[in-house]
């Protein structure tokens, strides 16, 4: 069985983004991504900037979710590294976190002062619902390129069963799903 390496290939870009483009692109992503940047990451990285293709984005996100730390930070490191090496990785991460960190510090100070107001509490609840909706919509959008086989659908169903019904820890769920997929693919090849 051959191991298939996941590579980030530029599919529709004629030249690699430089460090400034990586910094500003990920800063744009960080500034627009209130409530989480994943819903916007696909649009900016794949559709607007065209740094990588849709299937590569989905593959990379899968790998980044397995790594420790935030998946979008991991993705910024991987994309920056691919195009400009260590300098690109640093520029991407700094672009992603610098402005949002400053904004969060300011907003937290304002929130702490007015958290007792009912209007502020309702606003926070509404923002949480909107963020959940954005995440759900992004998940559905990301399903398109991977729903190509029954094994993928079976794996998605098992993920829901293991995580939501049985309430297995994420690491155990991933190990079980990996073993099942390796077994099925091994049997299929035979």
C-alpha atoms as a PDB file:
ATOM      1  CA  UNK A   1       0.000   0.000   0.000  1.00  0.00           C
ATOM      2  CA  UNK A   2       1.503   3.322  -1.049  1.00  0.00           C
ATOM      3  CA  UNK A   3       1.366   6.240   1.351  1.00  0.00           C
ATOM      4  CA  UNK A   4       0.002   9.295  -0.359  1.00  0.00           C
ATOM      5  CA  UNK A   5       1.702  12.501   0.775  1.00  0.00           C
ATOM      6  CA  UNK A   6      -0.396  15.603   1.052  1.00  0.00           C
ATOM      7  CA  UNK A   7       1.234  18.434  -0.792  1.00  0.00           C
ATOM      8  CA  UNK A   8       0.119  21.996  -1.196  1.00  0.00           C
ATOM      9  CA  UNK A   9       0.247  22.713  -4.864  1.00  0.00           C
ATOM     10  CA  UNK A  10      -0.491  26.052  -6.433  1.00  0.00           C
ATOM     11  CA  UNK A  11      -3.203  25.215  -8.893  1.00  0.00           C
ATOM     12  CA  UNK A  12      -4.254  28.541 -10.372  1.00  0.00           C
ATOM     13  CA  UNK A  13      -1.590  31.043  -9.292  1.00  0.00           C
ATOM     14  CA  UNK A  14       1.156  32.004 -11.708  1.00  0.00           C
ATOM     15  CA  UNK A  15       3.586  33.266  -9.054  1.00  0.00           C
ATOM     16  CA  UNK A  16       3.989  32.374  -5.394  1.00  0.00           C
ATOM     17  CA  UNK A  17       2.800  35.003  -2.908  1.00  0.00           C
ATOM     18  CA  UNK A  18       5.655  36.894  -1.265  1.00  0.00           C
ATOM     19  CA  UNK A  19       5.946  37.489   2.487  1.00  0.00           C
ATOM     20  CA  UNK A  20       4.056  40.788   2.293  1.00  0.00           C
ATOM     21  CA  UNK A  21       1.172  39.121   0.432  1.00  0.00           C
ATOM     22  CA  UNK A  22       1.102  36.287   2.979  1.00  0.00           C
ATOM     23  CA  UNK A  23       1.091  38.754   5.875  1.00  0.00           C
ATOM     24  CA  UNK A  24      -1.649  40.954   4.423  1.00  0.00           C
ATOM     25  CA  UNK A  25      -3.721  38.014   3.200  1.00  0.00           C
ATOM     26  CA  UNK A  26      -3.721  36.335   6.598  1.00  0.00           C
ATOM     27  CA  UNK A  27      -4.231  39.686   8.344  1.00  0.00           C
ATOM     28  CA  UNK A  28      -7.326  40.200   6.189  1.00  0.00           C
ATOM     29  CA  UNK A  29      -8.458  36.737   7.202  1.00  0.00           C
ATOM     30  CA  UNK A  30      -7.826  37.450  10.878  1.00  0.00           C
ATOM     31  CA  UNK A  31      -9.629  40.798  10.766  1.00  0.00           C
ATOM     32  CA  UNK A  32     -12.682  39.416   8.982  1.00  0.00           C
ATOM     33  CA  UNK A  33     -12.938  36.242  11.015  1.00  0.00           C
ATOM     34  CA  UNK A  34     -14.734  37.331  14.163  1.00  0.00           C
ATOM     35  CA  UNK A  35     -16.166  34.232  15.809  1.00  0.00           C
ATOM     36  CA  UNK A  36     -13.636  32.031  14.028  1.00  0.00           C
ATOM     37  CA  UNK A  37     -11.780  32.371  10.759  1.00  0.00           C
ATOM     38  CA  UNK A  38     -12.473  28.935   9.318  1.00  0.00           C
ATOM     39  CA  UNK A  39     -15.685  30.021   7.566  1.00  0.00           C
ATOM     40  CA  UNK A  40     -13.743  32.768   5.771  1.00  0.00           C
ATOM     41  CA  UNK A  41     -10.458  30.929   5.279  1.00  0.00           C
ATOM     42  CA  UNK A  42     -11.803  28.859   2.414  1.00  0.00           C
ATOM     43  CA  UNK A  43     -13.184  31.910   0.627  1.00  0.00           C
ATOM     44  CA  UNK A  44     -10.022  33.995   0.971  1.00  0.00           C
ATOM     45  CA  UNK A  45      -7.351  31.309   0.475  1.00  0.00           C
ATOM     46  CA  UNK A  46      -9.081  29.287  -2.253  1.00  0.00           C
ATOM     47  CA  UNK A  47     -11.570  31.561  -4.005  1.00  0.00           C
ATOM     48  CA  UNK A  48     -10.091  35.054  -3.739  1.00  0.00           C
ATOM     49  CA  UNK A  49      -6.315  34.607  -3.462  1.00  0.00           C
ATOM     50  CA  UNK A  50      -6.289  31.242  -5.309  1.00  0.00           C
ATOM     51  CA  UNK A  51      -3.203  30.173  -3.392  1.00  0.00           C
ATOM     52  CA  UNK A  52      -4.379  26.544  -3.269  1.00  0.00           C
ATOM     53  CA  UNK A  53      -7.270  24.577  -4.738  1.00  0.00           C
ATOM     54  CA  UNK A  54     -10.417  23.392  -2.974  1.00  0.00           C
ATOM     55  CA  UNK A  55      -9.346  19.775  -2.574  1.00  0.00           C
ATOM     56  CA  UNK A  56      -5.915  20.803  -1.279  1.00  0.00           C
ATOM     57  CA  UNK A  57      -7.594  23.121   1.241  1.00  0.00           C
ATOM     58  CA  UNK A  58      -9.764  20.267   2.515  1.00  0.00           C
ATOM     59  CA  UNK A  59      -6.800  17.886   2.730  1.00  0.00           C
ATOM     60  CA  UNK A  60      -4.647  20.482   4.481  1.00  0.00           C
ATOM     61  CA  UNK A  61      -7.412  21.313   6.948  1.00  0.00           C
ATOM     62  CA  UNK A  62      -7.724  17.629   7.809  1.00  0.00           C
ATOM     63  CA  UNK A  63      -4.009  17.432   8.552  1.00  0.00           C
ATOM     64  CA  UNK A  64      -4.016  20.727  10.487  1.00  0.00           C
ATOM     65  CA  UNK A  65      -6.870  19.550  12.698  1.00  0.00           C
ATOM     66  CA  UNK A  66      -4.804  16.558  13.788  1.00  0.00           C
ATOM     67  CA  UNK A  67      -1.899  18.752  14.881  1.00  0.00           C
ATOM     68  CA  UNK A  68      -1.781  20.494  18.247  1.00  0.00           C
ATOM     69  CA  UNK A  69      -2.892  24.114  18.256  1.00  0.00           C
ATOM     70  CA  UNK A  70      -5.483  26.006  16.276  1.00  0.00           C
ATOM     71  CA  UNK A  71      -6.145  24.539  12.847  1.00  0.00           C
ATOM     72  CA  UNK A  72      -6.152  27.891  11.060  1.00  0.00           C
ATOM     73  CA  UNK A  73      -2.828  28.825  12.687  1.00  0.00           C
ATOM     74  CA  UNK A  74      -1.415  25.488  11.563  1.00  0.00           C
ATOM     75  CA  UNK A  75      -2.764  26.170   8.080  1.00  0.00           C
ATOM     76  CA  UNK A  76      -1.168  29.621   7.974  1.00  0.00           C
ATOM     77  CA  UNK A  77       2.177  28.074   8.938  1.00  0.00           C
ATOM     78  CA  UNK A  78       1.867  25.346   6.284  1.00  0.00           C
ATOM     79  CA  UNK A  79       0.875  27.738   3.497  1.00  0.00           C
ATOM     80  CA  UNK A  80       3.525  30.311   4.450  1.00  0.00           C
ATOM     81  CA  UNK A  81       6.162  27.584   4.654  1.00  0.00           C
ATOM     82  CA  UNK A  82       5.166  26.192   1.259  1.00  0.00           C
ATOM     83  CA  UNK A  83       5.565  29.502  -0.528  1.00  0.00           C
ATOM     84  CA  UNK A  84       8.315  31.365   1.389  1.00  0.00           C
ATOM     85  CA  UNK A  85       9.844  28.955   3.882  1.00  0.00           C
ATOM     86  CA  UNK A  86      10.265  29.877   7.542  1.00  0.00           C
ATOM     87  CA  UNK A  87       9.969  33.613   6.770  1.00  0.00           C
ATOM     88  CA  UNK A  88       6.658  32.974   5.039  1.00  0.00           C
ATOM     89  CA  UNK A  89       5.378  30.869   7.931  1.00  0.00           C
ATOM     90  CA  UNK A  90       6.227  33.641  10.413  1.00  0.00           C
ATOM     91  CA  UNK A  91       4.678  36.343   8.221  1.00  0.00           C
ATOM     92  CA  UNK A  92       1.495  34.303   7.811  1.00  0.00           C
ATOM     93  CA  UNK A  93       1.082  33.638  11.536  1.00  0.00           C
ATOM     94  CA  UNK A  94       1.882  37.226  12.524  1.00  0.00           C
ATOM     95  CA  UNK A  95      -0.559  38.517   9.936  1.00  0.00           C
ATOM     96  CA  UNK A  96      -3.248  36.188  11.218  1.00  0.00           C
ATOM     97  CA  UNK A  97      -2.923  37.038  14.910  1.00  0.00           C
ATOM     98  CA  UNK A  98      -1.544  40.598  15.272  1.00  0.00           C
ATOM     99  CA  UNK A  99      -4.552  42.848  14.566  1.00  0.00           C
ATOM    100  CA  UNK A 100      -7.193  40.462  15.998  1.00  0.00           C
ATOM    101  CA  UNK A 101      -5.182  40.183  19.228  1.00  0.00           C
ATOM    102  CA  UNK A 102      -5.120  43.963  19.628  1.00  0.00           C
ATOM    103  CA  UNK A 103      -8.851  44.207  18.866  1.00  0.00           C
ATOM    104  CA  UNK A 104      -9.719  41.425  21.321  1.00  0.00           C
ATOM    105  CA  UNK A 105      -7.789  43.151  24.095  1.00  0.00           C
ATOM    106  CA  UNK A 106      -9.691  46.393  23.493  1.00  0.00           C
ATOM    107  CA  UNK A 107     -13.105  44.716  23.154  1.00  0.00           C
ATOM    108  CA  UNK A 108     -12.572  42.643  26.274  1.00  0.00           C
ATOM    109  CA  UNK A 109     -11.911  45.761  28.306  1.00  0.00           C
ATOM    110  CA  UNK A 110     -15.147  47.328  27.006  1.00  0.00           C
ATOM    111  CA  UNK A 111     -17.110  44.087  27.544  1.00  0.00           C
ATOM    112  CA  UNK A 112     -15.831  43.700  31.100  1.00  0.00           C
ATOM    113  CA  UNK A 113     -17.108  47.163  31.919  1.00  0.00           C
ATOM    114  CA  UNK A 114     -20.617  46.645  30.409  1.00  0.00           C
ATOM    115  CA  UNK A 115     -21.196  42.864  30.750  1.00  0.00           C
ATOM    116  CA  UNK A 116     -24.014  43.371  33.253  1.00  0.00           C
ATOM    117  CA  UNK A 117     -26.286  45.002  30.620  1.00  0.00           C
ATOM    118  CA  UNK A 118     -28.996  42.722  29.187  1.00  0.00           C
ATOM    119  CA  UNK A 119     -28.453  44.167  25.695  1.00  0.00           C
ATOM    120  CA  UNK A 120     -24.784  43.167  25.799  1.00  0.00           C
ATOM    121  CA  UNK A 121     -25.650  39.643  26.977  1.00  0.00           C
ATOM    122  CA  UNK A 122     -28.222  39.222  24.161  1.00  0.00           C
ATOM    123  CA  UNK A 123     -25.725  40.522  21.619  1.00  0.00           C
ATOM    124  CA  UNK A 124     -23.177  37.899  22.721  1.00  0.00           C
ATOM    125  CA  UNK A 125     -25.785  35.116  22.418  1.00  0.00           C
ATOM    126  CA  UNK A 126     -26.730  36.301  18.921  1.00  0.00           C
ATOM    127  CA  UNK A 127     -23.105  36.419  17.830  1.00  0.00           C
ATOM    128  CA  UNK A 128     -22.550  32.879  19.141  1.00  0.00           C
ATOM    129  CA  UNK A 129     -25.531  31.621  17.094  1.00  0.00           C
ATOM    130  CA  UNK A 130     -24.250  33.377  13.970  1.00  0.00           C
ATOM    131  CA  UNK A 131     -20.778  31.872  14.440  1.00  0.00           C
ATOM    132  CA  UNK A 132     -22.291  28.387  14.776  1.00  0.00           C
ATOM    133  CA  UNK A 133     -24.282  28.953  11.581  1.00  0.00           C
ATOM    134  CA  UNK A 134     -21.174  30.074   9.686  1.00  0.00           C
ATOM    135  CA  UNK A 135     -19.260  27.023  10.875  1.00  0.00           C
ATOM    136  CA  UNK A 136     -22.092  24.696   9.827  1.00  0.00           C
ATOM    137  CA  UNK A 137     -22.342  26.331   6.371  1.00  0.00           C
ATOM    138  CA  UNK A 138     -18.576  26.011   5.872  1.00  0.00           C
ATOM    139  CA  UNK A 139     -18.720  22.345   6.862  1.00  0.00           C
ATOM    140  CA  UNK A 140     -21.386  21.705   4.234  1.00  0.00           C
ATOM    141  CA  UNK A 141     -19.346  23.570   1.620  1.00  0.00           C
ATOM    142  CA  UNK A 142     -16.259  21.501   2.444  1.00  0.00           C
ATOM    143  CA  UNK A 143     -18.187  18.242   2.040  1.00  0.00           C
ATOM    144  CA  UNK A 144     -18.502  18.726  -1.724  1.00  0.00           C
ATOM    145  CA  UNK A 145     -14.968  17.747  -2.743  1.00  0.00           C
ATOM    146  CA  UNK A 146     -14.731  14.759  -0.391  1.00  0.00           C
ATOM    147  CA  UNK A 147     -18.132  13.097  -0.911  1.00  0.00           C
ATOM    148  CA  UNK A 148     -16.834  10.879  -3.679  1.00  0.00           C
ATOM    149  CA  UNK A 149     -17.044   7.443  -2.095  1.00  0.00           C
ATOM    150  CA  UNK A 150     -19.164   5.374   0.219  1.00  0.00           C
ATOM    151  CA  UNK A 151     -16.174   5.032   2.552  1.00  0.00           C
ATOM    152  CA  UNK A 152     -16.124   8.805   3.072  1.00  0.00           C
ATOM    153  CA  UNK A 153     -19.836   8.896   3.861  1.00  0.00           C
ATOM    154  CA  UNK A 154     -19.446   5.884   6.174  1.00  0.00           C
ATOM    155  CA  UNK A 155     -16.550   7.595   7.967  1.00  0.00           C
ATOM    156  CA  UNK A 156     -18.571  10.805   8.438  1.00  0.00           C
ATOM    157  CA  UNK A 157     -21.495   8.834   9.885  1.00  0.00           C
ATOM    158  CA  UNK A 158     -19.174   6.919  12.223  1.00  0.00           C
ATOM    159  CA  UNK A 159     -17.606  10.190  13.348  1.00  0.00           C
ATOM    160  CA  UNK A 160     -21.024  11.504  14.391  1.00  0.00           C
ATOM    161  CA  UNK A 161     -21.848   8.223  16.142  1.00  0.00           C
ATOM    162  CA  UNK A 162     -18.539   8.063  18.019  1.00  0.00           C
ATOM    163  CA  UNK A 163     -18.389  11.750  18.960  1.00  0.00           C
ATOM    164  CA  UNK A 164     -22.036  12.646  19.607  1.00  0.00           C
ATOM    165  CA  UNK A 165     -23.740   9.426  20.637  1.00  0.00           C
ATOM    166  CA  UNK A 166     -21.015   7.332  22.246  1.00  0.00           C
ATOM    167  CA  UNK A 167     -19.028  10.451  23.283  1.00  0.00           C
ATOM    168  CA  UNK A 168     -15.593   8.991  22.615  1.00  0.00           C
ATOM    169  CA  UNK A 169     -12.592  11.327  22.937  1.00  0.00           C
ATOM    170  CA  UNK A 170     -11.347  12.849  19.678  1.00  0.00           C
ATOM    171  CA  UNK A 171      -8.008  11.019  19.727  1.00  0.00           C
ATOM    172  CA  UNK A 172      -9.664   7.624  20.197  1.00  0.00           C
ATOM    173  CA  UNK A 173     -12.227   8.395  17.493  1.00  0.00           C
ATOM    174  CA  UNK A 174      -9.436   9.278  15.054  1.00  0.00           C
ATOM    175  CA  UNK A 175      -7.479   6.093  15.835  1.00  0.00           C
ATOM    176  CA  UNK A 176     -10.580   3.913  15.363  1.00  0.00           C
ATOM    177  CA  UNK A 177     -11.561   5.646  12.115  1.00  0.00           C
ATOM    178  CA  UNK A 178      -8.004   5.420  10.796  1.00  0.00           C
ATOM    179  CA  UNK A 179      -7.902   1.684  11.552  1.00  0.00           C
ATOM    180  CA  UNK A 180     -11.285   1.115   9.876  1.00  0.00           C
ATOM    181  CA  UNK A 181     -10.278   3.077   6.778  1.00  0.00           C
ATOM    182  CA  UNK A 182      -6.923   1.269   6.477  1.00  0.00           C
ATOM    183  CA  UNK A 183      -8.684  -2.077   6.874  1.00  0.00           C
ATOM    184  CA  UNK A 184     -11.374  -1.287   4.277  1.00  0.00           C
ATOM    185  CA  UNK A 185      -8.841   0.104   1.776  1.00  0.00           C
ATOM    186  CA  UNK A 186      -6.600  -2.942   2.357  1.00  0.00           C
ATOM    187  CA  UNK A 187      -9.501  -5.357   1.761  1.00  0.00           C
ATOM    188  CA  UNK A 188     -10.580  -3.345  -1.279  1.00  0.00           C
ATOM    189  CA  UNK A 189      -7.088  -3.648  -2.842  1.00  0.00           C
ATOM    190  CA  UNK A 190      -6.936  -7.404  -2.312  1.00  0.00           C
END
